[in-house]
Full PDB file with SEQRES, HELIX, SHEET, SSBOND, CRYST1, ORIGX, SCALE, CONECT and MASTER records, all heavy atoms in Angstrom:
SEQRES   1 A   40  ALA GLY LYS MET SER GLY LEU TRP SER LYS THR PRO ALA          
SEQRES   2 A   40  SER LEU LYS LEU ASP ASP LEU ASP ILE ILE CYS ALA VAL          
SEQRES   3 A   40  LEU GLY CYS GLY VAL GLY ASP LEU LEU VAL PRO ASP PRO          
SEQRES   4 A   40  ARG                                                          
HELIX    1 AA1 GLY A    2  SER A    9  1                                   8    
HELIX    2 AA2 LEU A   17  LEU A   27  1                                  11    
HELIX    3 AA3 VAL A   31  LEU A   34  1                                   4    
CRYST1    1.000    1.000    1.000  90.00  90.00  90.00 P 1           1          
ORIGX1      1.000000  0.000000  0.000000        0.00000                         
ORIGX2      0.000000  1.000000  0.000000        0.00000                         
ORIGX3      0.000000  0.000000  1.000000        0.00000                         
SCALE1      1.000000  0.000000  0.000000        0.00000                         
SCALE2      0.000000  1.000000  0.000000        0.00000                         
SCALE3      0.000000  0.000000  1.000000        0.00000                         
ATOM      1  N   ALA A   1       2.032  44.533 -39.936  1.00  0.00           N  
ATOM      2  CA  ALA A   1       3.183  43.641 -40.103  1.00  0.00           C  
ATOM      3  C   ALA A   1       3.466  43.395 -41.575  1.00  0.00           C  
ATOM      4  O   ALA A   1       4.625  43.360 -42.002  1.00  0.00           O  
ATOM      5  CB  ALA A   1       2.935  42.319 -39.366  1.00  0.00           C  
ATOM      6  N   GLY A   2       2.420  43.249 -42.375  1.00  0.00           N  
ATOM      7  CA  GLY A   2       2.601  43.008 -43.804  1.00  0.00           C  
ATOM      8  C   GLY A   2       3.247  44.190 -44.510  1.00  0.00           C  
ATOM      9  O   GLY A   2       4.163  44.012 -45.323  1.00  0.00           O  
ATOM     10  N   LYS A   3       2.771  45.403 -44.209  1.00  0.00           N  
ATOM     11  CA  LYS A   3       3.357  46.586 -44.840  1.00  0.00           C  
ATOM     12  C   LYS A   3       4.796  46.789 -44.366  1.00  0.00           C  
ATOM     13  O   LYS A   3       5.673  47.146 -45.154  1.00  0.00           O  
ATOM     14  CB  LYS A   3       2.527  47.830 -44.540  1.00  0.00           C  
ATOM     15  CG  LYS A   3       3.048  49.066 -45.247  1.00  0.00           C  
ATOM     16  CD  LYS A   3       2.154  50.265 -45.072  1.00  0.00           C  
ATOM     17  CE  LYS A   3       2.765  51.476 -45.756  1.00  0.00           C  
ATOM     18  NZ  LYS A   3       1.953  52.676 -45.570  1.00  0.00           N  
ATOM     19  N   MET A   4       5.061  46.528 -43.090  1.00  0.00           N  
ATOM     20  CA  MET A   4       6.424  46.673 -42.573  1.00  0.00           C  
ATOM     21  C   MET A   4       7.352  45.677 -43.251  1.00  0.00           C  
ATOM     22  O   MET A   4       8.488  46.012 -43.602  1.00  0.00           O  
ATOM     23  CB  MET A   4       6.444  46.474 -41.057  1.00  0.00           C  
ATOM     24  CG  MET A   4       7.769  46.802 -40.414  1.00  0.00           C  
ATOM     25  SD  MET A   4       8.158  48.555 -40.546  1.00  0.00           S  
ATOM     26  CE  MET A   4       9.798  48.476 -41.201  1.00  0.00           C  
ATOM     27  N   SER A   5       6.870  44.473 -43.460  1.00  0.00           N  
ATOM     28  CA  SER A   5       7.678  43.465 -44.145  1.00  0.00           C  
ATOM     29  C   SER A   5       8.021  43.928 -45.554  1.00  0.00           C  
ATOM     30  O   SER A   5       9.159  43.774 -46.009  1.00  0.00           O  
ATOM     31  CB  SER A   5       6.909  42.139 -44.197  1.00  0.00           C  
ATOM     32  OG  SER A   5       7.628  41.187 -44.933  1.00  0.00           O  
ATOM     33  N   GLY A   6       7.050  44.528 -46.245  1.00  0.00           N  
ATOM     34  CA  GLY A   6       7.295  45.044 -47.574  1.00  0.00           C  
ATOM     35  C   GLY A   6       8.302  46.176 -47.587  1.00  0.00           C  
ATOM     36  O   GLY A   6       9.193  46.229 -48.438  1.00  0.00           O  
ATOM     37  N   LEU A   7       8.178  47.106 -46.635  1.00  0.00           N  
ATOM     38  CA  LEU A   7       9.138  48.212 -46.547  1.00  0.00           C  
ATOM     39  C   LEU A   7      10.538  47.700 -46.237  1.00  0.00           C  
ATOM     40  O   LEU A   7      11.534  48.244 -46.707  1.00  0.00           O  
ATOM     41  CB  LEU A   7       8.726  49.199 -45.447  1.00  0.00           C  
ATOM     42  CG  LEU A   7       7.581  50.145 -45.736  1.00  0.00           C  
ATOM     43  CD1 LEU A   7       7.243  50.947 -44.486  1.00  0.00           C  
ATOM     44  CD2 LEU A   7       7.916  51.071 -46.885  1.00  0.00           C  
ATOM     45  N   TRP A   8      10.604  46.667 -45.431  1.00  0.00           N  
ATOM     46  CA  TRP A   8      11.882  46.126 -44.973  1.00  0.00           C  
ATOM     47  C   TRP A   8      12.600  45.338 -46.066  1.00  0.00           C  
ATOM     48  O   TRP A   8      13.817  45.394 -46.174  1.00  0.00           O  
ATOM     49  CB  TRP A   8      11.636  45.233 -43.756  1.00  0.00           C  
ATOM     50  CG  TRP A   8      12.839  44.893 -42.957  1.00  0.00           C  
ATOM     51  CD1 TRP A   8      13.463  43.679 -42.900  1.00  0.00           C  
ATOM     52  CD2 TRP A   8      13.576  45.756 -42.097  1.00  0.00           C  
ATOM     53  NE1 TRP A   8      14.525  43.737 -42.046  1.00  0.00           N  
ATOM     54  CE2 TRP A   8      14.621  45.007 -41.531  1.00  0.00           C  
ATOM     55  CE3 TRP A   8      13.462  47.091 -41.727  1.00  0.00           C  
ATOM     56  CZ2 TRP A   8      15.547  45.537 -40.633  1.00  0.00           C  
ATOM     57  CZ3 TRP A   8      14.366  47.632 -40.835  1.00  0.00           C  
ATOM     58  CH2 TRP A   8      15.387  46.854 -40.308  1.00  0.00           C  
ATOM     59  N   SER A   9      11.827  44.625 -46.887  1.00  0.00           N  
ATOM     60  CA  SER A   9      12.465  43.694 -47.821  1.00  0.00           C  
ATOM     61  C   SER A   9      12.399  44.104 -49.291  1.00  0.00           C  
ATOM     62  O   SER A   9      13.087  43.507 -50.108  1.00  0.00           O  
ATOM     63  CB  SER A   9      11.851  42.306 -47.662  1.00  0.00           C  
ATOM     64  OG  SER A   9      10.465  42.344 -47.938  1.00  0.00           O  
ATOM     65  N   LYS A  10      11.585  45.105 -49.636  1.00  0.00           N  
ATOM     66  CA  LYS A  10      11.445  45.504 -51.032  1.00  0.00           C  
ATOM     67  C   LYS A  10      11.452  47.023 -51.150  1.00  0.00           C  
ATOM     68  O   LYS A  10      11.238  47.731 -50.164  1.00  0.00           O  
ATOM     69  CB  LYS A  10      10.117  45.007 -51.611  1.00  0.00           C  
ATOM     70  CG  LYS A  10       9.912  43.529 -51.585  1.00  0.00           C  
ATOM     71  CD  LYS A  10       8.596  43.170 -52.218  1.00  0.00           C  
ATOM     72  CE  LYS A  10       7.529  43.099 -51.153  1.00  0.00           C  
ATOM     73  NZ  LYS A  10       6.275  42.541 -51.605  1.00  0.00           N  
ATOM     74  N   THR A  11      11.642  47.501 -52.356  1.00  0.00           N  
ATOM     75  CA  THR A  11      11.495  48.930 -52.628  1.00  0.00           C  
ATOM     76  C   THR A  11      10.010  49.229 -52.747  1.00  0.00           C  
ATOM     77  O   THR A  11       9.319  48.606 -53.557  1.00  0.00           O  
ATOM     78  CB  THR A  11      12.206  49.310 -53.943  1.00  0.00           C  
ATOM     79  OG1 THR A  11      13.592  49.017 -53.809  1.00  0.00           O  
ATOM     80  CG2 THR A  11      12.027  50.778 -54.264  1.00  0.00           C  
ATOM     81  N   PRO A  12       9.497  50.150 -51.934  1.00  0.00           N  
ATOM     82  CA  PRO A  12       8.068  50.445 -52.014  1.00  0.00           C  
ATOM     83  C   PRO A  12       7.711  51.124 -53.338  1.00  0.00           C  
ATOM     84  O   PRO A  12       8.475  51.947 -53.845  1.00  0.00           O  
ATOM     85  CB  PRO A  12       7.825  51.384 -50.827  1.00  0.00           C  
ATOM     86  CG  PRO A  12       9.153  51.961 -50.502  1.00  0.00           C  
ATOM     87  CD  PRO A  12      10.181  50.958 -50.934  1.00  0.00           C  
ATOM     88  N   ALA A  13       6.555  50.786 -53.883  1.00  0.00           N  
ATOM     89  CA  ALA A  13       6.079  51.421 -55.114  1.00  0.00           C  
ATOM     90  C   ALA A  13       5.652  52.852 -54.835  1.00  0.00           C  
ATOM     91  O   ALA A  13       5.770  53.735 -55.684  1.00  0.00           O  
ATOM     92  CB  ALA A  13       4.915  50.630 -55.700  1.00  0.00           C  
ATOM     93  N   SER A  14       5.169  53.086 -53.627  1.00  0.00           N  
ATOM     94  CA  SER A  14       4.784  54.437 -53.207  1.00  0.00           C  
ATOM     95  C   SER A  14       4.976  54.543 -51.701  1.00  0.00           C  
ATOM     96  O   SER A  14       4.975  53.541 -50.987  1.00  0.00           O  
ATOM     97  CB  SER A  14       3.336  54.731 -53.586  1.00  0.00           C  
ATOM     98  OG  SER A  14       2.461  53.891 -52.874  1.00  0.00           O  
ATOM     99  N   LEU A  15       5.123  55.777 -51.255  1.00  0.00           N  
ATOM    100  CA  LEU A  15       5.347  56.029 -49.838  1.00  0.00           C  
ATOM    101  C   LEU A  15       4.887  57.450 -49.547  1.00  0.00           C  
ATOM    102  O   LEU A  15       5.265  58.377 -50.270  1.00  0.00           O  
ATOM    103  CB  LEU A  15       6.835  55.867 -49.504  1.00  0.00           C  
ATOM    104  CG  LEU A  15       7.270  55.909 -48.062  1.00  0.00           C  
ATOM    105  CD1 LEU A  15       6.638  54.786 -47.259  1.00  0.00           C  
ATOM    106  CD2 LEU A  15       8.788  55.786 -47.974  1.00  0.00           C  
ATOM    107  N   LYS A  16       4.071  57.618 -48.533  1.00  0.00           N  
ATOM    108  CA  LYS A  16       3.608  58.956 -48.166  1.00  0.00           C  
ATOM    109  C   LYS A  16       4.792  59.764 -47.641  1.00  0.00           C  
ATOM    110  O   LYS A  16       5.635  59.241 -46.896  1.00  0.00           O  
ATOM    111  CB  LYS A  16       2.536  58.872 -47.092  1.00  0.00           C  
ATOM    112  CG  LYS A  16       1.243  58.264 -47.559  1.00  0.00           C  
ATOM    113  CD  LYS A  16       0.243  58.236 -46.423  1.00  0.00           C  
ATOM    114  CE  LYS A  16      -1.037  57.565 -46.842  1.00  0.00           C  
ATOM    115  NZ  LYS A  16      -1.976  57.474 -45.718  1.00  0.00           N  
ATOM    116  N   LEU A  17       4.839  61.030 -48.024  1.00  0.00           N  
ATOM    117  CA  LEU A  17       5.936  61.888 -47.571  1.00  0.00           C  
ATOM    118  C   LEU A  17       5.932  62.048 -46.058  1.00  0.00           C  
ATOM    119  O   LEU A  17       7.000  62.110 -45.438  1.00  0.00           O  
ATOM    120  CB  LEU A  17       5.866  63.244 -48.264  1.00  0.00           C  
ATOM    121  CG  LEU A  17       6.097  63.214 -49.771  1.00  0.00           C  
ATOM    122  CD1 LEU A  17       5.955  64.618 -50.355  1.00  0.00           C  
ATOM    123  CD2 LEU A  17       7.459  62.630 -50.111  1.00  0.00           C  
ATOM    124  N   ASP A  18       4.754  62.086 -45.445  1.00  0.00           N  
ATOM    125  CA  ASP A  18       4.689  62.168 -43.982  1.00  0.00           C  
ATOM    126  C   ASP A  18       5.307  60.933 -43.338  1.00  0.00           C  
ATOM    127  O   ASP A  18       5.996  61.025 -42.323  1.00  0.00           O  
ATOM    128  CB  ASP A  18       3.242  62.330 -43.508  1.00  0.00           C  
ATOM    129  CG  ASP A  18       2.654  63.693 -43.851  1.00  0.00           C  
ATOM    130  OD1 ASP A  18       3.427  64.636 -44.146  1.00  0.00           O  
ATOM    131  OD2 ASP A  18       1.411  63.823 -43.816  1.00  0.00           O  
ATOM    132  N   ASP A  19       5.060  59.764 -43.942  1.00  0.00           N  
ATOM    133  CA  ASP A  19       5.650  58.523 -43.425  1.00  0.00           C  
ATOM    134  C   ASP A  19       7.171  58.554 -43.590  1.00  0.00           C  
ATOM    135  O   ASP A  19       7.906  58.132 -42.696  1.00  0.00           O  
ATOM    136  CB  ASP A  19       5.076  57.304 -44.144  1.00  0.00           C  
ATOM    137  CG  ASP A  19       3.591  57.089 -43.864  1.00  0.00           C  
ATOM    138  OD1 ASP A  19       3.020  57.811 -43.021  1.00  0.00           O  
ATOM    139  OD2 ASP A  19       3.005  56.198 -44.517  1.00  0.00           O  
ATOM    140  N   LEU A  20       7.623  59.063 -44.723  1.00  0.00           N  
ATOM    141  CA  LEU A  20       9.058  59.171 -44.972  1.00  0.00           C  
ATOM    142  C   LEU A  20       9.716  60.097 -43.953  1.00  0.00           C  
ATOM    143  O   LEU A  20      10.810  59.821 -43.465  1.00  0.00           O  
ATOM    144  CB  LEU A  20       9.306  59.653 -46.402  1.00  0.00           C  
ATOM    145  CG  LEU A  20      10.737  59.644 -46.905  1.00  0.00           C  
ATOM    146  CD1 LEU A  20      11.365  58.264 -46.789  1.00  0.00           C  
ATOM    147  CD2 LEU A  20      10.781  60.131 -48.342  1.00  0.00           C  
ATOM    148  N   ASP A  21       9.034  61.179 -43.599  1.00  0.00           N  
ATOM    149  CA  ASP A  21       9.545  62.087 -42.558  1.00  0.00           C  
ATOM    150  C   ASP A  21       9.746  61.346 -41.243  1.00  0.00           C  
ATOM    151  O   ASP A  21      10.775  61.526 -40.573  1.00  0.00           O  
ATOM    152  CB  ASP A  21       8.569  63.248 -42.322  1.00  0.00           C  
ATOM    153  CG  ASP A  21       8.742  64.392 -43.286  1.00  0.00           C  
ATOM    154  OD1 ASP A  21       9.846  64.550 -43.848  1.00  0.00           O  
ATOM    155  OD2 ASP A  21       7.773  65.149 -43.469  1.00  0.00           O  
ATOM    156  N   ILE A  22       8.782  60.520 -40.875  1.00  0.00           N  
ATOM    157  CA  ILE A  22       8.878  59.789 -39.607  1.00  0.00           C  
ATOM    158  C   ILE A  22       9.984  58.743 -39.669  1.00  0.00           C  
ATOM    159  O   ILE A  22      10.764  58.589 -38.716  1.00  0.00           O  
ATOM    160  CB  ILE A  22       7.518  59.155 -39.239  1.00  0.00           C  
ATOM    161  CG1 ILE A  22       6.500  60.266 -38.965  1.00  0.00           C  
ATOM    162  CG2 ILE A  22       7.658  58.230 -38.033  1.00  0.00           C  
ATOM    163  CD1 ILE A  22       5.076  59.790 -38.790  1.00  0.00           C  
ATOM    164  N   ILE A  23      10.098  58.045 -40.786  1.00  0.00           N  
ATOM    165  CA  ILE A  23      11.172  57.058 -40.943  1.00  0.00           C  
ATOM    166  C   ILE A  23      12.529  57.737 -40.787  1.00  0.00           C  
ATOM    167  O   ILE A  23      13.410  57.254 -40.068  1.00  0.00           O  
ATOM    168  CB  ILE A  23      11.055  56.331 -42.297  1.00  0.00           C  
ATOM    169  CG1 ILE A  23       9.801  55.455 -42.326  1.00  0.00           C  
ATOM    170  CG2 ILE A  23      12.299  55.494 -42.578  1.00  0.00           C  
ATOM    171  CD1 ILE A  23       9.436  54.910 -43.693  1.00  0.00           C  
ATOM    172  N   CYS A  24      12.694  58.892 -41.433  1.00  0.00           N  
ATOM    173  CA  CYS A  24      13.955  59.629 -41.332  1.00  0.00           C  
ATOM    174  C   CYS A  24      14.209  60.095 -39.898  1.00  0.00           C  
ATOM    175  O   CYS A  24      15.351  60.043 -39.419  1.00  0.00           O  
ATOM    176  CB  CYS A  24      13.956  60.820 -42.292  1.00  0.00           C  
ATOM    177  SG  CYS A  24      14.107  60.363 -44.030  1.00  0.00           S  
ATOM    178  N   ALA A  25      13.166  60.536 -39.214  1.00  0.00           N  
ATOM    179  CA  ALA A  25      13.323  60.985 -37.828  1.00  0.00           C  
ATOM    180  C   ALA A  25      13.746  59.832 -36.926  1.00  0.00           C  
ATOM    181  O   ALA A  25      14.643  59.979 -36.085  1.00  0.00           O  
ATOM    182  CB  ALA A  25      12.017  61.605 -37.328  1.00  0.00           C  
ATOM    183  N   VAL A  26      13.134  58.674 -37.105  1.00  0.00           N  
ATOM    184  CA  VAL A  26      13.475  57.496 -36.292  1.00  0.00           C  
ATOM    185  C   VAL A  26      14.923  57.086 -36.532  1.00  0.00           C  
ATOM    186  O   VAL A  26      15.654  56.752 -35.603  1.00  0.00           O  
ATOM    187  CB  VAL A  26      12.504  56.329 -36.587  1.00  0.00           C  
ATOM    188  CG1 VAL A  26      13.033  55.015 -36.052  1.00  0.00           C  
ATOM    189  CG2 VAL A  26      11.128  56.634 -36.016  1.00  0.00           C  
ATOM    190  N   LEU A  27      15.344  57.136 -37.791  1.00  0.00           N  
ATOM    191  CA  LEU A  27      16.698  56.695 -38.129  1.00  0.00           C  
ATOM    192  C   LEU A  27      17.739  57.806 -38.015  1.00  0.00           C  
ATOM    193  O   LEU A  27      18.937  57.530 -38.112  1.00  0.00           O  
ATOM    194  CB  LEU A  27      16.713  56.120 -39.552  1.00  0.00           C  
ATOM    195  CG  LEU A  27      15.897  54.847 -39.739  1.00  0.00           C  
ATOM    196  CD1 LEU A  27      15.869  54.448 -41.202  1.00  0.00           C  
ATOM    197  CD2 LEU A  27      16.446  53.721 -38.879  1.00  0.00           C  
ATOM    198  N   GLY A  28      17.296  59.036 -37.828  1.00  0.00           N  
ATOM    199  CA  GLY A  28      18.252  60.146 -37.753  1.00  0.00           C  
ATOM    200  C   GLY A  28      19.014  60.302 -39.062  1.00  0.00           C  
ATOM    201  O   GLY A  28      20.233  60.457 -39.058  1.00  0.00           O  
ATOM    202  N   CYS A  29      18.282  60.227 -40.171  1.00  0.00           N  
ATOM    203  CA  CYS A  29      18.921  60.293 -41.476  1.00  0.00           C  
ATOM    204  C   CYS A  29      18.148  61.233 -42.389  1.00  0.00           C  
ATOM    205  O   CYS A  29      17.092  61.748 -42.016  1.00  0.00           O  
ATOM    206  CB  CYS A  29      19.007  58.905 -42.104  1.00  0.00           C  
ATOM    207  SG  CYS A  29      17.411  58.222 -42.622  1.00  0.00           S  
ATOM    208  N   GLY A  30      18.668  61.432 -43.574  1.00  0.00           N  
ATOM    209  CA  GLY A  30      17.982  62.211 -44.586  1.00  0.00           C  
ATOM    210  C   GLY A  30      17.401  61.316 -45.649  1.00  0.00           C  
ATOM    211  O   GLY A  30      17.743  60.126 -45.747  1.00  0.00           O  
ATOM    212  N   VAL A  31      16.531  61.873 -46.468  1.00  0.00           N  
ATOM    213  CA  VAL A  31      15.904  61.112 -47.551  1.00  0.00           C  
ATOM    214  C   VAL A  31      16.966  60.514 -48.470  1.00  0.00           C  
ATOM    215  O   VAL A  31      16.832  59.390 -48.936  1.00  0.00           O  
ATOM    216  CB  VAL A  31      14.931  62.017 -48.342  1.00  0.00           C  
ATOM    217  CG1 VAL A  31      14.386  61.309 -49.558  1.00  0.00           C  
ATOM    218  CG2 VAL A  31      13.806  62.493 -47.447  1.00  0.00           C  
ATOM    219  N   GLY A  32      18.051  61.250 -48.707  1.00  0.00           N  
ATOM    220  CA  GLY A  32      19.117  60.774 -49.583  1.00  0.00           C  
ATOM    221  C   GLY A  32      19.840  59.549 -49.062  1.00  0.00           C  
ATOM    222  O   GLY A  32      20.511  58.844 -49.828  1.00  0.00           O  
ATOM    223  N   ASP A  33      19.718  59.276 -47.769  1.00  0.00           N  
ATOM    224  CA  ASP A  33      20.296  58.048 -47.217  1.00  0.00           C  
ATOM    225  C   ASP A  33      19.422  56.840 -47.551  1.00  0.00           C  
ATOM    226  O   ASP A  33      19.923  55.734 -47.734  1.00  0.00           O  
ATOM    227  CB  ASP A  33      20.441  58.158 -45.695  1.00  0.00           C  
ATOM    228  CG  ASP A  33      21.383  59.266 -45.284  1.00  0.00           C  
ATOM    229  OD1 ASP A  33      22.474  59.358 -45.875  1.00  0.00           O  
ATOM    230  OD2 ASP A  33      21.018  60.053 -44.381  1.00  0.00           O  
ATOM    231  N   LEU A  34      18.113  57.066 -47.602  1.00  0.00           N  
ATOM    232  CA  LEU A  34      17.168  55.978 -47.850  1.00  0.00           C  
ATOM    233  C   LEU A  34      16.916  55.737 -49.335  1.00  0.00           C  
ATOM    234  O   LEU A  34      16.737  54.602 -49.757  1.00  0.00           O  
ATOM    235  CB  LEU A  34      15.825  56.282 -47.173  1.00  0.00           C  
ATOM    236  CG  LEU A  34      15.836  56.291 -45.648  1.00  0.00           C  
ATOM    237  CD1 LEU A  34      14.504  56.789 -45.128  1.00  0.00           C  
ATOM    238  CD2 LEU A  34      16.144  54.907 -45.103  1.00  0.00           C  
ATOM    239  N   LEU A  35      16.885  56.806 -50.106  1.00  0.00           N  
ATOM    240  CA  LEU A  35      16.602  56.712 -51.540  1.00  0.00           C  
ATOM    241  C   LEU A  35      17.830  57.140 -52.320  1.00  0.00           C  
ATOM    242  O   LEU A  35      18.231  58.295 -52.274  1.00  0.00           O  
ATOM    243  CB  LEU A  35      15.423  57.612 -51.916  1.00  0.00           C  
ATOM    244  CG  LEU A  35      14.075  57.197 -51.360  1.00  0.00           C  
ATOM    245  CD1 LEU A  35      13.055  58.305 -51.565  1.00  0.00           C  
ATOM    246  CD2 LEU A  35      13.600  55.911 -52.015  1.00  0.00           C  
ATOM    247  N   VAL A  36      18.417  56.197 -53.029  1.00  0.00           N  
ATOM    248  CA  VAL A  36      19.626  56.462 -53.794  1.00  0.00           C  
ATOM    249  C   VAL A  36      19.310  56.272 -55.276  1.00  0.00           C  
ATOM    250  O   VAL A  36      18.811  55.216 -55.667  1.00  0.00           O  
ATOM    251  CB  VAL A  36      20.773  55.521 -53.366  1.00  0.00           C  
ATOM    252  CG1 VAL A  36      22.014  55.774 -54.185  1.00  0.00           C  
ATOM    253  CG2 VAL A  36      21.049  55.686 -51.877  1.00  0.00           C  
ATOM    254  N   PRO A  37      19.570  57.286 -56.110  1.00  0.00           N  
ATOM    255  CA  PRO A  37      19.286  57.139 -57.540  1.00  0.00           C  
ATOM    256  C   PRO A  37      20.044  55.966 -58.149  1.00  0.00           C  
ATOM    257  O   PRO A  37      21.183  55.693 -57.791  1.00  0.00           O  
ATOM    258  CB  PRO A  37      19.775  58.459 -58.143  1.00  0.00           C  
ATOM    259  CG  PRO A  37      19.826  59.420 -57.009  1.00  0.00           C  
ATOM    260  CD  PRO A  37      20.134  58.601 -55.790  1.00  0.00           C  
ATOM    261  N   ASP A  38      19.386  55.279 -59.058  1.00  0.00           N  
ATOM    262  CA  ASP A  38      19.995  54.179 -59.790  1.00  0.00           C  
ATOM    263  C   ASP A  38      19.808  54.454 -61.277  1.00  0.00           C  
ATOM    264  O   ASP A  38      18.808  54.042 -61.872  1.00  0.00           O  
ATOM    265  CB  ASP A  38      19.353  52.846 -59.401  1.00  0.00           C  
ATOM    266  CG  ASP A  38      20.041  51.649 -60.026  1.00  0.00           C  
ATOM    267  OD1 ASP A  38      20.989  51.841 -60.818  1.00  0.00           O  
ATOM    268  OD2 ASP A  38      19.629  50.515 -59.717  1.00  0.00           O  
ATOM    269  N   PRO A  39      20.756  55.189 -61.890  1.00  0.00           N  
ATOM    270  CA  PRO A  39      20.599  55.589 -63.288  1.00  0.00           C  
ATOM    271  C   PRO A  39      20.459  54.412 -64.249  1.00  0.00           C  
ATOM    272  O   PRO A  39      19.913  54.560 -65.329  1.00  0.00           O  
ATOM    273  CB  PRO A  39      21.873  56.370 -63.603  1.00  0.00           C  
ATOM    274  CG  PRO A  39      22.617  56.519 -62.342  1.00  0.00           C  
ATOM    275  CD  PRO A  39      21.980  55.653 -61.302  1.00  0.00           C  
ATOM    276  N   ARG A  40      20.904  53.234 -63.860  1.00  0.00           N  
ATOM    277  CA  ARG A  40      20.778  52.055 -64.727  1.00  0.00           C  
ATOM    278  C   ARG A  40      19.329  51.674 -64.961  1.00  0.00           C  
ATOM    279  O   ARG A  40      19.014  50.993 -65.913  1.00  0.00           O  
ATOM    280  CB  ARG A  40      21.531  50.876 -64.128  1.00  0.00           C  
ATOM    281  CG  ARG A  40      23.034  51.102 -64.021  1.00  0.00           C  
ATOM    282  CD  ARG A  40      23.696  50.022 -63.246  1.00  0.00           C  
ATOM    283  NE  ARG A  40      23.107  50.001 -61.896  1.00  0.00           N  
ATOM    284  CZ  ARG A  40      23.206  48.992 -61.058  1.00  0.00           C  
ATOM    285  NH1 ARG A  40      23.847  47.912 -61.387  1.00  0.00           N  
ATOM    286  NH2 ARG A  40      22.669  49.055 -59.857  1.00  0.00           N  
TER     287      ARG A  40                                                      
MASTER        0    0    0    3    0    0    0    6  286    1    0    4          
END                                                                             
């Protein structure tokens, strides 16, 4: 619950690529939908 709360409310400092694959599969999205560059 604690890690989920962090993923839900903050930008994670790190994230396993396997976990990112599962998140994308659940949401039916690509990595570019979840991670957007912020050049600022």
